[in-house]
């Protein structure tokens, strides 16, 4: 089983669960966020949180809707073989 689990919450944040110290989360400048003592946290994906990159629940008040179903790639059918002429 994977050490890190990231779950897309229905019309909500990405929920990240991992043993303490297993994840390093850094900003665009490479500065690490302090995750000391955290084994789970939620990352905003609606864009409305005032505490980005973390979720503050804003998604529930702005009507955020997301596609979160894991969709399997459709099996590629083998090319059709030419029919033998009679």
Protein backbone atom coordinates (compact mmCIF):
# COMPACT_ATOMS: atom_id res chain seq x y z
CA UNK A 1 0.00 0.00 0.00
CA UNK A 2 1.20 3.52 -0.80
CA UNK A 3 2.55 5.65 2.02
CA UNK A 4 0.74 8.75 0.71
CA UNK A 5 -2.97 8.91 -0.13
CA UNK A 6 -4.51 11.85 -2.01
CA UNK A 7 -8.27 11.80 -2.29
CA UNK A 8 -10.38 14.17 -4.38
CA UNK A 9 -13.32 15.13 -2.19
CA UNK A 10 -16.62 15.52 -4.03
CA UNK A 11 -16.78 19.20 -5.04
CA UNK A 12 -14.15 19.95 -2.44
CA UNK A 13 -10.44 19.88 -1.74
CA UNK A 14 -7.74 17.30 -2.30
CA UNK A 15 -7.34 15.48 1.03
CA UNK A 16 -3.75 14.39 1.65
CA UNK A 17 -2.97 11.68 4.21
CA UNK A 18 0.53 10.44 5.01
CA UNK A 19 2.77 9.68 7.95
CA UNK A 20 4.30 12.80 9.49
CA UNK A 21 7.39 13.83 7.56
CA UNK A 22 6.51 11.80 4.46
CA UNK A 23 5.49 14.86 2.42
CA UNK A 24 7.28 18.09 1.67
CA UNK A 25 5.01 20.85 0.35
CA UNK A 26 6.81 23.85 -1.13
CA UNK A 27 5.69 27.15 -2.66
CA UNK A 28 6.70 28.53 -6.07
CA UNK A 29 9.94 29.88 -4.57
CA UNK A 30 10.89 26.56 -3.00
CA UNK A 31 9.98 27.57 0.56
CA UNK A 32 8.60 24.67 2.59
CA UNK A 33 5.27 24.92 4.39
CA UNK A 34 5.40 23.84 8.02
CA UNK A 35 3.59 20.51 8.21
CA UNK A 36 4.95 19.62 11.64
CA UNK A 37 2.53 17.32 13.44
CA UNK A 38 0.25 16.99 10.42
CA UNK A 39 -0.64 13.55 9.13
CA UNK A 40 -3.53 14.91 7.04
CA UNK A 41 -4.41 18.21 5.40
CA UNK A 42 -6.62 19.49 2.58
CA UNK A 43 -5.44 21.43 -0.46
CA UNK A 44 -7.71 24.00 -2.11
CA UNK A 45 -8.77 23.33 -5.67
CA UNK A 46 -11.60 25.86 -5.99
CA UNK A 47 -9.24 28.84 -5.93
CA UNK A 48 -11.28 30.69 -3.31
CA UNK A 49 -9.44 29.86 -0.09
CA UNK A 50 -7.83 32.76 1.75
CA UNK A 51 -5.41 30.23 3.26
CA UNK A 52 -4.00 28.83 -0.02
CA UNK A 53 -2.74 26.28 -0.74
CA UNK A 54 -4.82 24.90 2.12
CA UNK A 55 -8.61 24.58 2.01
CA UNK A 56 -10.66 26.85 4.28
CA UNK A 57 -14.11 25.57 3.23
CA UNK A 58 -14.84 28.36 0.75
CA UNK A 59 -15.75 25.78 -1.92
CA UNK A 60 -18.99 25.06 -0.06
CA UNK A 61 -20.13 28.69 -0.22
CA UNK A 62 -19.23 29.48 -3.84
CA UNK A 63 -20.88 26.48 -5.50
CA UNK A 64 -17.65 24.86 -6.64
CA UNK A 65 -18.23 21.80 -8.82
CA UNK A 66 -15.48 19.45 -9.94
CA UNK A 67 -15.06 16.26 -11.87
CA UNK A 68 -13.42 13.83 -9.50
CA UNK A 69 -14.24 10.37 -10.80
CA UNK A 70 -11.26 8.26 -11.75
CA UNK A 71 -11.87 7.39 -15.37
CA UNK A 72 -10.07 4.49 -16.97
CA UNK A 73 -8.65 4.97 -20.43
CA UNK A 74 -10.78 3.23 -23.02
CA UNK A 75 -9.10 0.13 -24.35
CA UNK A 76 -7.69 0.82 -27.74
CA UNK A 77 -9.22 -1.61 -30.18
CA UNK A 78 -6.83 -3.56 -32.35
CA UNK A 79 -6.75 -2.28 -35.92
CA UNK A 80 -9.28 -4.03 -38.09
CA UNK A 81 -7.69 -6.64 -40.32
CA UNK A 82 -8.45 -6.42 -44.03
CA UNK A 83 -10.92 -9.01 -45.21
CA UNK A 84 -9.62 -11.67 -47.56
CA UNK A 85 -10.92 -11.36 -51.12
CA UNK A 86 -12.73 -14.28 -52.61
